[in-house]
Amino acid sequence: KEKLGPESGVRFLADDKGAFTSALGLLFDASPKLGGPRAKRYA
């Protein structure tokens, strides 16, 4: 957030364990490139 827009109104929230994303059914295994489960890109 500090790099992209520290003064912007956009809020950045950490889903550190992927639990929120998993509850949405939007978690995928990104182990080969990102080391573990990650969010699909969604809006």
PDB file of all heavy atoms in Angstrom:
ATOM      1  N   LYS A   1       0.841  -1.203   0.000  1.00  0.00           N
ATOM      2  CA  LYS A   1       0.000   0.000   0.000  1.00  0.00           C
ATOM      3  C   LYS A   1       0.870   1.246   0.000  1.00  0.00           C
ATOM      4  O   LYS A   1       0.596   2.208  -0.717  1.00  0.00           O
ATOM      5  CB  LYS A   1      -0.953   0.031   1.182  1.00  0.00           C
ATOM      6  CG  LYS A   1      -1.773   1.317   1.174  1.00  0.00           C
ATOM      7  CD  LYS A   1      -2.702   1.490   2.325  1.00  0.00           C
ATOM      8  CE  LYS A   1      -3.356   2.849   2.157  1.00  0.00           C
ATOM      9  NZ  LYS A   1      -4.601   3.006   2.795  1.00  0.00           N
ATOM     10  N   GLU A   2       1.913   1.253   0.804  1.00  0.00           N
ATOM     11  CA  GLU A   2       2.821   2.414   0.859  1.00  0.00           C
ATOM     12  C   GLU A   2       3.446   2.683  -0.502  1.00  0.00           C
ATOM     13  O   GLU A   2       3.646   3.832  -0.876  1.00  0.00           O
ATOM     14  CB  GLU A   2       3.897   2.204   1.921  1.00  0.00           C
ATOM     15  CG  GLU A   2       3.378   2.288   3.341  1.00  0.00           C
ATOM     16  CD  GLU A   2       2.731   3.627   3.663  1.00  0.00           C
ATOM     17  OE1 GLU A   2       3.335   4.682   3.364  1.00  0.00           O
ATOM     18  OE2 GLU A   2       1.616   3.629   4.209  1.00  0.00           O
ATOM     19  N   LYS A   3       3.733   1.650  -1.241  1.00  0.00           N
ATOM     20  CA  LYS A   3       4.329   1.816  -2.570  1.00  0.00           C
ATOM     21  C   LYS A   3       3.293   2.304  -3.588  1.00  0.00           C
ATOM     22  O   LYS A   3       3.589   3.174  -4.404  1.00  0.00           O
ATOM     23  CB  LYS A   3       4.946   0.507  -3.045  1.00  0.00           C
ATOM     24  CG  LYS A   3       5.584   0.600  -4.426  1.00  0.00           C
ATOM     25  CD  LYS A   3       6.315  -0.670  -4.776  1.00  0.00           C
ATOM     26  CE  LYS A   3       6.824  -0.682  -6.179  1.00  0.00           C
ATOM     27  NZ  LYS A   3       7.816   0.288  -6.509  1.00  0.00           N
ATOM     28  N   LEU A   4       2.086   1.747  -3.539  1.00  0.00           N
ATOM     29  CA  LEU A   4       1.078   2.048  -4.561  1.00  0.00           C
ATOM     30  C   LEU A   4       0.263   3.311  -4.307  1.00  0.00           C
ATOM     31  O   LEU A   4      -0.067   4.029  -5.249  1.00  0.00           O
ATOM     32  CB  LEU A   4       0.107   0.872  -4.722  1.00  0.00           C
ATOM     33  CG  LEU A   4       0.671  -0.404  -5.297  1.00  0.00           C
ATOM     34  CD1 LEU A   4      -0.427  -1.451  -5.400  1.00  0.00           C
ATOM     35  CD2 LEU A   4       1.324  -0.182  -6.644  1.00  0.00           C
ATOM     36  N   GLY A   5      -0.107   3.543  -3.068  1.00  0.00           N
ATOM     37  CA  GLY A   5      -1.002   4.676  -2.813  1.00  0.00           C
ATOM     38  C   GLY A   5      -1.230   4.926  -1.351  1.00  0.00           C
ATOM     39  O   GLY A   5      -2.338   4.713  -0.852  1.00  0.00           O
ATOM     40  N   PRO A   6      -0.207   5.399  -0.635  1.00  0.00           N
ATOM     41  CA  PRO A   6      -0.356   5.560   0.817  1.00  0.00           C
ATOM     42  C   PRO A   6      -1.432   6.569   1.218  1.00  0.00           C
ATOM     43  O   PRO A   6      -2.022   6.445   2.271  1.00  0.00           O
ATOM     44  CB  PRO A   6       1.024   6.020   1.272  1.00  0.00           C
ATOM     45  CG  PRO A   6       1.672   6.586   0.059  1.00  0.00           C
ATOM     46  CD  PRO A   6       1.105   5.819  -1.101  1.00  0.00           C
ATOM     47  N   GLU A   7      -1.713   7.532   0.361  1.00  0.00           N
ATOM     48  CA  GLU A   7      -2.704   8.558   0.688  1.00  0.00           C
ATOM     49  C   GLU A   7      -4.057   8.294   0.044  1.00  0.00           C
ATOM     50  O   GLU A   7      -4.967   9.094   0.188  1.00  0.00           O
ATOM     51  CB  GLU A   7      -2.180   9.938   0.260  1.00  0.00           C
ATOM     52  CG  GLU A   7      -0.859  10.322   0.894  1.00  0.00           C
ATOM     53  CD  GLU A   7      -0.903  10.340   2.417  1.00  0.00           C
ATOM     54  OE1 GLU A   7      -1.903  10.815   2.990  1.00  0.00           O
ATOM     55  OE2 GLU A   7       0.061   9.862   3.036  1.00  0.00           O
ATOM     56  N   SER A   8      -4.178   7.197  -0.682  1.00  0.00           N
ATOM     57  CA  SER A   8      -5.440   6.917  -1.360  1.00  0.00           C
ATOM     58  C   SER A   8      -6.484   6.433  -0.359  1.00  0.00           C
ATOM     59  O   SER A   8      -6.158   5.988   0.736  1.00  0.00           O
ATOM     60  CB  SER A   8      -5.245   5.866  -2.447  1.00  0.00           C
ATOM     61  OG  SER A   8      -5.229   4.572  -1.896  1.00  0.00           O
ATOM     62  N   GLY A   9      -7.739   6.490  -0.764  1.00  0.00           N
ATOM     63  CA  GLY A   9      -8.809   5.974   0.073  1.00  0.00           C
ATOM     64  C   GLY A   9      -8.979   4.470  -0.032  1.00  0.00           C
ATOM     65  O   GLY A   9      -9.729   3.867   0.731  1.00  0.00           O
ATOM     66  N   VAL A  10      -8.283   3.849  -0.972  1.00  0.00           N
ATOM     67  CA  VAL A  10      -8.370   2.393  -1.131  1.00  0.00           C
ATOM     68  C   VAL A  10      -7.748   1.730   0.090  1.00  0.00           C
ATOM     69  O   VAL A  10      -6.660   2.092   0.524  1.00  0.00           O
ATOM     70  CB  VAL A  10      -7.667   1.947  -2.434  1.00  0.00           C
ATOM     71  CG1 VAL A  10      -7.653   0.430  -2.541  1.00  0.00           C
ATOM     72  CG2 VAL A  10      -8.343   2.563  -3.647  1.00  0.00           C
ATOM     73  N   ARG A  11      -8.459   0.760   0.630  1.00  0.00           N
ATOM     74  CA  ARG A  11      -7.997   0.074   1.840  1.00  0.00           C
ATOM     75  C   ARG A  11      -7.385  -1.273   1.468  1.00  0.00           C
ATOM     76  O   ARG A  11      -7.907  -1.984   0.614  1.00  0.00           O
ATOM     77  CB  ARG A  11      -9.161  -0.097   2.810  1.00  0.00           C
ATOM     78  CG  ARG A  11      -9.668   1.268   3.272  1.00  0.00           C
ATOM     79  CD  ARG A  11     -10.910   1.185   4.080  1.00  0.00           C
ATOM     80  NE  ARG A  11     -10.675   0.560   5.368  1.00  0.00           N
ATOM     81  CZ  ARG A  11     -11.620   0.446   6.304  1.00  0.00           C
ATOM     82  NH1 ARG A  11     -12.837   0.910   6.077  1.00  0.00           N
ATOM     83  NH2 ARG A  11     -11.352  -0.137   7.454  1.00  0.00           N
ATOM     84  N   PHE A  12      -6.298  -1.626   2.125  1.00  0.00           N
ATOM     85  CA  PHE A  12      -5.583  -2.867   1.874  1.00  0.00           C
ATOM     86  C   PHE A  12      -5.703  -3.740   3.117  1.00  0.00           C
ATOM     87  O   PHE A  12      -5.346  -3.314   4.214  1.00  0.00           O
ATOM     88  CB  PHE A  12      -4.112  -2.586   1.578  1.00  0.00           C
ATOM     89  CG  PHE A  12      -3.868  -1.971   0.227  1.00  0.00           C
ATOM     90  CD1 PHE A  12      -4.325  -0.703  -0.091  1.00  0.00           C
ATOM     91  CD2 PHE A  12      -3.153  -2.668  -0.737  1.00  0.00           C
ATOM     92  CE1 PHE A  12      -4.107  -0.135  -1.338  1.00  0.00           C
ATOM     93  CE2 PHE A  12      -2.912  -2.116  -1.989  1.00  0.00           C
ATOM     94  CZ  PHE A  12      -3.395  -0.847  -2.286  1.00  0.00           C
ATOM     95  N   LEU A  13      -6.203  -4.967   2.936  1.00  0.00           N
ATOM     96  CA  LEU A  13      -6.442  -5.900   4.035  1.00  0.00           C
ATOM     97  C   LEU A  13      -5.681  -7.190   3.782  1.00  0.00           C
ATOM     98  O   LEU A  13      -5.755  -7.737   2.682  1.00  0.00           O
ATOM     99  CB  LEU A  13      -7.931  -6.206   4.145  1.00  0.00           C
ATOM    100  CG  LEU A  13      -8.866  -5.010   4.264  1.00  0.00           C
ATOM    101  CD1 LEU A  13     -10.315  -5.467   4.176  1.00  0.00           C
ATOM    102  CD2 LEU A  13      -8.625  -4.254   5.552  1.00  0.00           C
ATOM    103  N   ALA A  14      -5.003  -7.691   4.778  1.00  0.00           N
ATOM    104  CA  ALA A  14      -4.233  -8.921   4.641  1.00  0.00           C
ATOM    105  C   ALA A  14      -5.079 -10.140   4.991  1.00  0.00           C
ATOM    106  O   ALA A  14      -5.641 -10.224   6.077  1.00  0.00           O
ATOM    107  CB  ALA A  14      -3.004  -8.872   5.552  1.00  0.00           C
ATOM    108  N   ASP A  15      -5.162 -11.064   4.040  1.00  0.00           N
ATOM    109  CA  ASP A  15      -5.791 -12.373   4.269  1.00  0.00           C
ATOM    110  C   ASP A  15      -4.630 -13.342   4.454  1.00  0.00           C
ATOM    111  O   ASP A  15      -4.333 -14.152   3.584  1.00  0.00           O
ATOM    112  CB  ASP A  15      -6.660 -12.730   3.060  1.00  0.00           C
ATOM    113  CG  ASP A  15      -7.439 -14.021   3.240  1.00  0.00           C
ATOM    114  OD1 ASP A  15      -7.519 -14.544   4.371  1.00  0.00           O
ATOM    115  OD2 ASP A  15      -7.978 -14.510   2.229  1.00  0.00           O
ATOM    116  N   ASP A  16      -3.954 -13.237   5.582  1.00  0.00           N
ATOM    117  CA  ASP A  16      -2.657 -13.898   5.758  1.00  0.00           C
ATOM    118  C   ASP A  16      -2.689 -15.416   5.675  1.00  0.00           C
ATOM    119  O   ASP A  16      -1.709 -16.026   5.266  1.00  0.00           O
ATOM    120  CB  ASP A  16      -1.956 -13.425   7.031  1.00  0.00           C
ATOM    121  CG  ASP A  16      -2.772 -13.618   8.301  1.00  0.00           C
ATOM    122  OD1 ASP A  16      -3.917 -14.122   8.240  1.00  0.00           O
ATOM    123  OD2 ASP A  16      -2.259 -13.236   9.366  1.00  0.00           O
ATOM    124  N   LYS A  17      -3.771 -16.031   6.002  1.00  0.00           N
ATOM    125  CA  LYS A  17      -3.878 -17.495   5.909  1.00  0.00           C
ATOM    126  C   LYS A  17      -4.755 -17.944   4.749  1.00  0.00           C
ATOM    127  O   LYS A  17      -4.973 -19.136   4.561  1.00  0.00           O
ATOM    128  CB  LYS A  17      -4.401 -18.065   7.219  1.00  0.00           C
ATOM    129  CG  LYS A  17      -3.441 -17.839   8.367  1.00  0.00           C
ATOM    130  CD  LYS A  17      -3.985 -18.373   9.652  1.00  0.00           C
ATOM    131  CE  LYS A  17      -2.975 -18.090  10.750  1.00  0.00           C
ATOM    132  NZ  LYS A  17      -3.571 -18.034  12.060  1.00  0.00           N
ATOM    133  N   GLY A  18      -5.301 -16.991   4.019  1.00  0.00           N
ATOM    134  CA  GLY A  18      -6.187 -17.325   2.906  1.00  0.00           C
ATOM    135  C   GLY A  18      -7.558 -17.790   3.356  1.00  0.00           C
ATOM    136  O   GLY A  18      -8.329 -18.313   2.552  1.00  0.00           O
ATOM    137  N   ALA A  19      -7.904 -17.579   4.611  1.00  0.00           N
ATOM    138  CA  ALA A  19      -9.174 -18.075   5.141  1.00  0.00           C
ATOM    139  C   ALA A  19     -10.375 -17.352   4.533  1.00  0.00           C
ATOM    140  O   ALA A  19     -11.387 -17.985   4.209  1.00  0.00           O
ATOM    141  CB  ALA A  19      -9.198 -17.952   6.663  1.00  0.00           C
ATOM    142  N   PHE A  20     -10.284 -16.037   4.371  1.00  0.00           N
ATOM    143  CA  PHE A  20     -11.385 -15.287   3.762  1.00  0.00           C
ATOM    144  C   PHE A  20     -11.580 -15.736   2.315  1.00  0.00           C
ATOM    145  O   PHE A  20     -12.687 -16.038   1.891  1.00  0.00           O
ATOM    146  CB  PHE A  20     -11.109 -13.779   3.828  1.00  0.00           C
ATOM    147  CG  PHE A  20     -12.149 -12.952   3.129  1.00  0.00           C
ATOM    148  CD1 PHE A  20     -13.377 -12.718   3.732  1.00  0.00           C
ATOM    149  CD2 PHE A  20     -11.914 -12.423   1.871  1.00  0.00           C
ATOM    150  CE1 PHE A  20     -14.359 -11.966   3.085  1.00  0.00           C
ATOM    151  CE2 PHE A  20     -12.880 -11.675   1.220  1.00  0.00           C
ATOM    152  CZ  PHE A  20     -14.105 -11.448   1.830  1.00  0.00           C
ATOM    153  N   THR A  21     -10.482 -15.811   1.583  1.00  0.00           N
ATOM    154  CA  THR A  21     -10.530 -16.224   0.179  1.00  0.00           C
ATOM    155  C   THR A  21     -11.049 -17.650   0.046  1.00  0.00           C
ATOM    156  O   THR A  21     -11.835 -17.951  -0.847  1.00  0.00           O
ATOM    157  CB  THR A  21      -9.133 -16.081  -0.449  1.00  0.00           C
ATOM    158  OG1 THR A  21      -8.716 -14.720  -0.298  1.00  0.00           O
ATOM    159  CG2 THR A  21      -9.124 -16.454  -1.902  1.00  0.00           C
ATOM    160  N   SER A  22     -10.640 -18.517   0.943  1.00  0.00           N
ATOM    161  CA  SER A  22     -11.115 -19.893   0.929  1.00  0.00           C
ATOM    162  C   SER A  22     -12.626 -19.949   1.180  1.00  0.00           C
ATOM    163  O   SER A  22     -13.340 -20.701   0.514  1.00  0.00           O
ATOM    164  CB  SER A  22     -10.377 -20.722   1.982  1.00  0.00           C
ATOM    165  OG  SER A  22     -10.823 -22.060   1.967  1.00  0.00           O
ATOM    166  N   ALA A  23     -13.117 -19.116   2.112  1.00  0.00           N
ATOM    167  CA  ALA A  23     -14.553 -19.089   2.398  1.00  0.00           C
ATOM    168  C   ALA A  23     -15.354 -18.622   1.181  1.00  0.00           C
ATOM    169  O   ALA A  23     -16.521 -18.984   1.037  1.00  0.00           O
ATOM    170  CB  ALA A  23     -14.833 -18.186   3.595  1.00  0.00           C
ATOM    171  N   LEU A  24     -14.719 -17.845   0.309  1.00  0.00           N
ATOM    172  CA  LEU A  24     -15.367 -17.425  -0.934  1.00  0.00           C
ATOM    173  C   LEU A  24     -15.302 -18.506  -2.009  1.00  0.00           C
ATOM    174  O   LEU A  24     -15.939 -18.391  -3.046  1.00  0.00           O
ATOM    175  CB  LEU A  24     -14.702 -16.159  -1.489  1.00  0.00           C
ATOM    176  CG  LEU A  24     -14.946 -14.869  -0.735  1.00  0.00           C
ATOM    177  CD1 LEU A  24     -14.049 -13.766  -1.272  1.00  0.00           C
ATOM    178  CD2 LEU A  24     -16.414 -14.468  -0.826  1.00  0.00           C
ATOM    179  N   GLY A  25     -14.490 -19.541  -1.779  1.00  0.00           N
ATOM    180  CA  GLY A  25     -14.302 -20.580  -2.781  1.00  0.00           C
ATOM    181  C   GLY A  25     -13.375 -20.137  -3.901  1.00  0.00           C
ATOM    182  O   GLY A  25     -13.442 -20.665  -5.006  1.00  0.00           O
ATOM    183  N   LEU A  26     -12.503 -19.171  -3.617  1.00  0.00           N
ATOM    184  CA  LEU A  26     -11.656 -18.587  -4.656  1.00  0.00           C
ATOM    185  C   LEU A  26     -10.162 -18.744  -4.379  1.00  0.00           C
ATOM    186  O   LEU A  26      -9.344 -17.972  -4.866  1.00  0.00           O
ATOM    187  CB  LEU A  26     -12.013 -17.103  -4.835  1.00  0.00           C
ATOM    188  CG  LEU A  26     -13.417 -16.856  -5.372  1.00  0.00           C
ATOM    189  CD1 LEU A  26     -13.762 -15.373  -5.335  1.00  0.00           C
ATOM    190  CD2 LEU A  26     -13.552 -17.410  -6.788  1.00  0.00           C
ATOM    191  N   LEU A  27      -9.799 -19.760  -3.640  1.00  0.00           N
ATOM    192  CA  LEU A  27      -8.399 -20.060  -3.362  1.00  0.00           C
ATOM    193  C   LEU A  27      -7.895 -21.057  -4.392  1.00  0.00           C
ATOM    194  O   LEU A  27      -8.639 -21.938  -4.816  1.00  0.00           O
ATOM    195  CB  LEU A  27      -8.290 -20.666  -1.959  1.00  0.00           C
ATOM    196  CG  LEU A  27      -6.960 -20.616  -1.245  1.00  0.00           C
ATOM    197  CD1 LEU A  27      -6.568 -19.174  -0.939  1.00  0.00           C
ATOM    198  CD2 LEU A  27      -7.045 -21.408   0.055  1.00  0.00           C
ATOM    199  N   PHE A  28      -6.647 -20.895  -4.821  1.00  0.00           N
ATOM    200  CA  PHE A  28      -6.050 -21.883  -5.726  1.00  0.00           C
ATOM    201  C   PHE A  28      -4.623 -22.172  -5.275  1.00  0.00           C
ATOM    202  O   PHE A  28      -4.019 -21.410  -4.521  1.00  0.00           O
ATOM    203  CB  PHE A  28      -6.097 -21.410  -7.187  1.00  0.00           C
ATOM    204  CG  PHE A  28      -5.041 -20.408  -7.569  1.00  0.00           C
ATOM    205  CD1 PHE A  28      -3.931 -20.794  -8.312  1.00  0.00           C
ATOM    206  CD2 PHE A  28      -5.150 -19.082  -7.189  1.00  0.00           C
ATOM    207  CE1 PHE A  28      -2.963 -19.871  -8.669  1.00  0.00           C
ATOM    208  CE2 PHE A  28      -4.188 -18.153  -7.545  1.00  0.00           C
ATOM    209  CZ  PHE A  28      -3.086 -18.549  -8.286  1.00  0.00           C
ATOM    210  N   ASP A  29      -4.099 -23.287  -5.725  1.00  0.00           N
ATOM    211  CA  ASP A  29      -2.743 -23.693  -5.354  1.00  0.00           C
ATOM    212  C   ASP A  29      -1.739 -22.991  -6.259  1.00  0.00           C
ATOM    213  O   ASP A  29      -1.578 -23.343  -7.425  1.00  0.00           O
ATOM    214  CB  ASP A  29      -2.590 -25.212  -5.460  1.00  0.00           C
ATOM    215  CG  ASP A  29      -1.214 -25.685  -5.025  1.00  0.00           C
ATOM    216  OD1 ASP A  29      -0.405 -24.863  -4.539  1.00  0.00           O
ATOM    217  OD2 ASP A  29      -0.943 -26.892  -5.156  1.00  0.00           O
ATOM    218  N   ALA A  30      -1.064 -21.991  -5.702  1.00  0.00           N
ATOM    219  CA  ALA A  30      -0.049 -21.235  -6.447  1.00  0.00           C
ATOM    220  C   ALA A  30       1.354 -21.624  -6.001  1.00  0.00           C
ATOM    221  O   ALA A  30       2.296 -20.856  -6.188  1.00  0.00           O
ATOM    222  CB  ALA A  30      -0.275 -19.742  -6.251  1.00  0.00           C
ATOM    223  N   SER A  31       1.490 -22.808  -5.421  1.00  0.00           N
ATOM    224  CA  SER A  31       2.782 -23.240  -4.886  1.00  0.00           C
ATOM    225  C   SER A  31       3.943 -23.132  -5.869  1.00  0.00           C
ATOM    226  O   SER A  31       5.022 -22.685  -5.483  1.00  0.00           O
ATOM    227  CB  SER A  31       2.695 -24.676  -4.364  1.00  0.00           C
ATOM    228  OG  SER A  31       1.793 -24.740  -3.296  1.00  0.00           O
ATOM    229  N   PRO A  32       3.777 -23.518  -7.130  1.00  0.00           N
ATOM    230  CA  PRO A  32       4.929 -23.458  -8.035  1.00  0.00           C
ATOM    231  C   PRO A  32       5.526 -22.057  -8.206  1.00  0.00           C
ATOM    232  O   PRO A  32       6.732 -21.918  -8.345  1.00  0.00           O
ATOM    233  CB  PRO A  32       4.377 -23.972  -9.364  1.00  0.00           C
ATOM    234  CG  PRO A  32       3.207 -24.816  -8.987  1.00  0.00           C
ATOM    235  CD  PRO A  32       2.621 -24.144  -7.770  1.00  0.00           C
ATOM    236  N   LYS A  33       4.702 -21.024  -8.174  1.00  0.00           N
ATOM    237  CA  LYS A  33       5.224 -19.669  -8.406  1.00  0.00           C
ATOM    238  C   LYS A  33       5.223 -18.788  -7.169  1.00  0.00           C
ATOM    239  O   LYS A  33       6.085 -17.928  -7.030  1.00  0.00           O
ATOM    240  CB  LYS A  33       4.428 -18.981  -9.511  1.00  0.00           C
ATOM    241  CG  LYS A  33       4.627 -19.668 -10.839  1.00  0.00           C
ATOM    242  CD  LYS A  33       4.193 -18.822 -11.978  1.00  0.00           C
ATOM    243  CE  LYS A  33       4.416 -19.635 -13.235  1.00  0.00           C
ATOM    244  NZ  LYS A  33       4.809 -18.904 -14.351  1.00  0.00           N
ATOM    245  N   LEU A  34       4.243 -18.968  -6.280  1.00  0.00           N
ATOM    246  CA  LEU A  34       4.107 -18.067  -5.136  1.00  0.00           C
ATOM    247  C   LEU A  34       4.249 -18.764  -3.789  1.00  0.00           C
ATOM    248  O   LEU A  34       4.039 -18.141  -2.755  1.00  0.00           O
ATOM    249  CB  LEU A  34       2.770 -17.315  -5.216  1.00  0.00           C
ATOM    250  CG  LEU A  34       2.591 -16.436  -6.454  1.00  0.00           C
ATOM    251  CD1 LEU A  34       1.192 -15.836  -6.485  1.00  0.00           C
ATOM    252  CD2 LEU A  34       3.641 -15.345  -6.515  1.00  0.00           C
ATOM    253  N   GLY A  35       4.553 -20.046  -3.797  1.00  0.00           N
ATOM    254  CA  GLY A  35       4.885 -20.742  -2.566  1.00  0.00           C
ATOM    255  C   GLY A  35       3.741 -21.326  -1.768  1.00  0.00           C
ATOM    256  O   GLY A  35       3.979 -21.995  -0.768  1.00  0.00           O
ATOM    257  N   GLY A  36       2.516 -21.105  -2.160  1.00  0.00           N
ATOM    258  CA  GLY A  36       1.398 -21.649  -1.397  1.00  0.00           C
ATOM    259  C   GLY A  36       0.078 -21.223  -1.997  1.00  0.00           C
ATOM    260  O   GLY A  36       0.030 -20.664  -3.097  1.00  0.00           O
ATOM    261  N   PRO A  37      -1.018 -21.468  -1.279  1.00  0.00           N
ATOM    262  CA  PRO A  37      -2.334 -21.107  -1.798  1.00  0.00           C
ATOM    263  C   PRO A  37      -2.484 -19.589  -1.887  1.00  0.00           C
ATOM    264  O   PRO A  37      -1.981 -18.854  -1.038  1.00  0.00           O
ATOM    265  CB  PRO A  37      -3.312 -21.690  -0.782  1.00  0.00           C
ATOM    266  CG  PRO A  37      -2.521 -22.122   0.382  1.00  0.00           C
ATOM    267  CD  PRO A  37      -1.088 -22.123   0.021  1.00  0.00           C
ATOM    268  N   ARG A  38      -3.168 -19.137  -2.921  1.00  0.00           N
ATOM    269  CA  ARG A  38      -3.391 -17.707  -3.144  1.00  0.00           C
ATOM    270  C   ARG A  38      -4.799 -17.492  -3.685  1.00  0.00           C
ATOM    271  O   ARG A  38      -5.476 -18.420  -4.102  1.00  0.00           O
ATOM    272  CB  ARG A  38      -2.380 -17.140  -4.150  1.00  0.00           C
ATOM    273  CG  ARG A  38      -0.929 -17.197  -3.706  1.00  0.00           C
ATOM    274  CD  ARG A  38      -0.691 -16.346  -2.465  1.00  0.00           C
ATOM    275  NE  ARG A  38       0.685 -16.423  -2.029  1.00  0.00           N
ATOM    276  CZ  ARG A  38       1.551 -15.418  -2.090  1.00  0.00           C
ATOM    277  NH1 ARG A  38       1.179 -14.247  -2.560  1.00  0.00           N
ATOM    278  NH2 ARG A  38       2.781 -15.580  -1.666  1.00  0.00           N
ATOM    279  N   ALA A  39      -5.189 -16.231  -3.734  1.00  0.00           N
ATOM    280  CA  ALA A  39      -6.502 -15.863  -4.257  1.00  0.00           C
ATOM    281  C   ALA A  39      -6.486 -15.888  -5.776  1.00  0.00           C
ATOM    282  O   ALA A  39      -5.512 -15.461  -6.399  1.00  0.00           O
ATOM    283  CB  ALA A  39      -6.885 -14.462  -3.783  1.00  0.00           C
ATOM    284  N   LYS A  40      -7.573 -16.386  -6.344  1.00  0.00           N
ATOM    285  CA  LYS A  40      -7.799 -16.125  -7.759  1.00  0.00           C
ATOM    286  C   LYS A  40      -8.017 -14.614  -7.854  1.00  0.00           C
ATOM    287  O   LYS A  40      -8.371 -13.965  -6.871  1.00  0.00           O
ATOM    288  CB  LYS A  40      -9.051 -16.861  -8.251  1.00  0.00           C
ATOM    289  CG  LYS A  40      -8.895 -18.358  -8.251  1.00  0.00           C
ATOM    290  CD  LYS A  40     -10.175 -19.024  -8.731  1.00  0.00           C
ATOM    291  CE  LYS A  40     -10.011 -20.529  -8.719  1.00  0.00           C
ATOM    292  NZ  LYS A  40     -11.230 -21.213  -9.186  1.00  0.00           N
ATOM    293  N   ARG A  41      -7.809 -14.043  -9.022  1.00  0.00           N
ATOM    294  CA  ARG A  41      -8.046 -12.605  -9.181  1.00  0.00           C
ATOM    295  C   ARG A  41      -9.553 -12.395  -9.360  1.00  0.00           C
ATOM    296  O   ARG A  41     -10.148 -12.911 -10.294  1.00  0.00           O
ATOM    297  CB  ARG A  41      -7.278 -12.072 -10.387  1.00  0.00           C
ATOM    298  CG  ARG A  41      -7.345 -10.555 -10.514  1.00  0.00           C
ATOM    299  CD  ARG A  41      -6.490 -10.059 -11.659  1.00  0.00           C
ATOM    300  NE  ARG A  41      -5.172 -10.641 -11.646  1.00  0.00           N
ATOM    301  CZ  ARG A  41      -4.160 -10.253 -10.852  1.00  0.00           C
ATOM    302  NH1 ARG A  41      -4.343  -9.247 -10.011  1.00  0.00           N
ATOM    303  NH2 ARG A  41      -2.993 -10.855 -10.905  1.00  0.00           N
ATOM    304  N   TYR A  42     -10.138 -11.635  -8.438  1.00  0.00           N
ATOM    305  CA  TYR A  42     -11.583 -11.428  -8.496  1.00  0.00           C
ATOM    306  C   TYR A  42     -11.954 -10.009  -8.070  1.00  0.00           C
ATOM    307  O   TYR A  42     -11.183  -9.318  -7.402  1.00  0.00           O
ATOM    308  CB  TYR A  42     -12.330 -12.451  -7.623  1.00  0.00           C
ATOM    309  CG  TYR A  42     -12.073 -12.330  -6.138  1.00  0.00           C
ATOM    310  CD1 TYR A  42     -12.817 -11.448  -5.352  1.00  0.00           C
ATOM    311  CD2 TYR A  42     -11.107 -13.102  -5.514  1.00  0.00           C
ATOM    312  CE1 TYR A  42     -12.595 -11.344  -3.991  1.00  0.00           C
ATOM    313  CE2 TYR A  42     -10.874 -13.003  -4.154  1.00  0.00           C
ATOM    314  CZ  TYR A  42     -11.618 -12.119  -3.393  1.00  0.00           C
ATOM    315  OH  TYR A  42     -11.386 -12.009  -2.041  1.00  0.00           O
ATOM    316  N   ALA A  43     -13.140  -9.606  -8.462  1.00  0.00           N
ATOM    317  CA  ALA A  43     -13.749  -8.362  -8.001  1.00  0.00           C
ATOM    318  C   ALA A  43     -15.192  -8.684  -7.628  1.00  0.00           C
ATOM    319  O   ALA A  43     -15.918  -9.285  -8.417  1.00  0.00           O
ATOM    320  CB  ALA A  43     -13.717  -7.299  -9.095  1.00  0.00           C
TER     321      ALA A  43
END
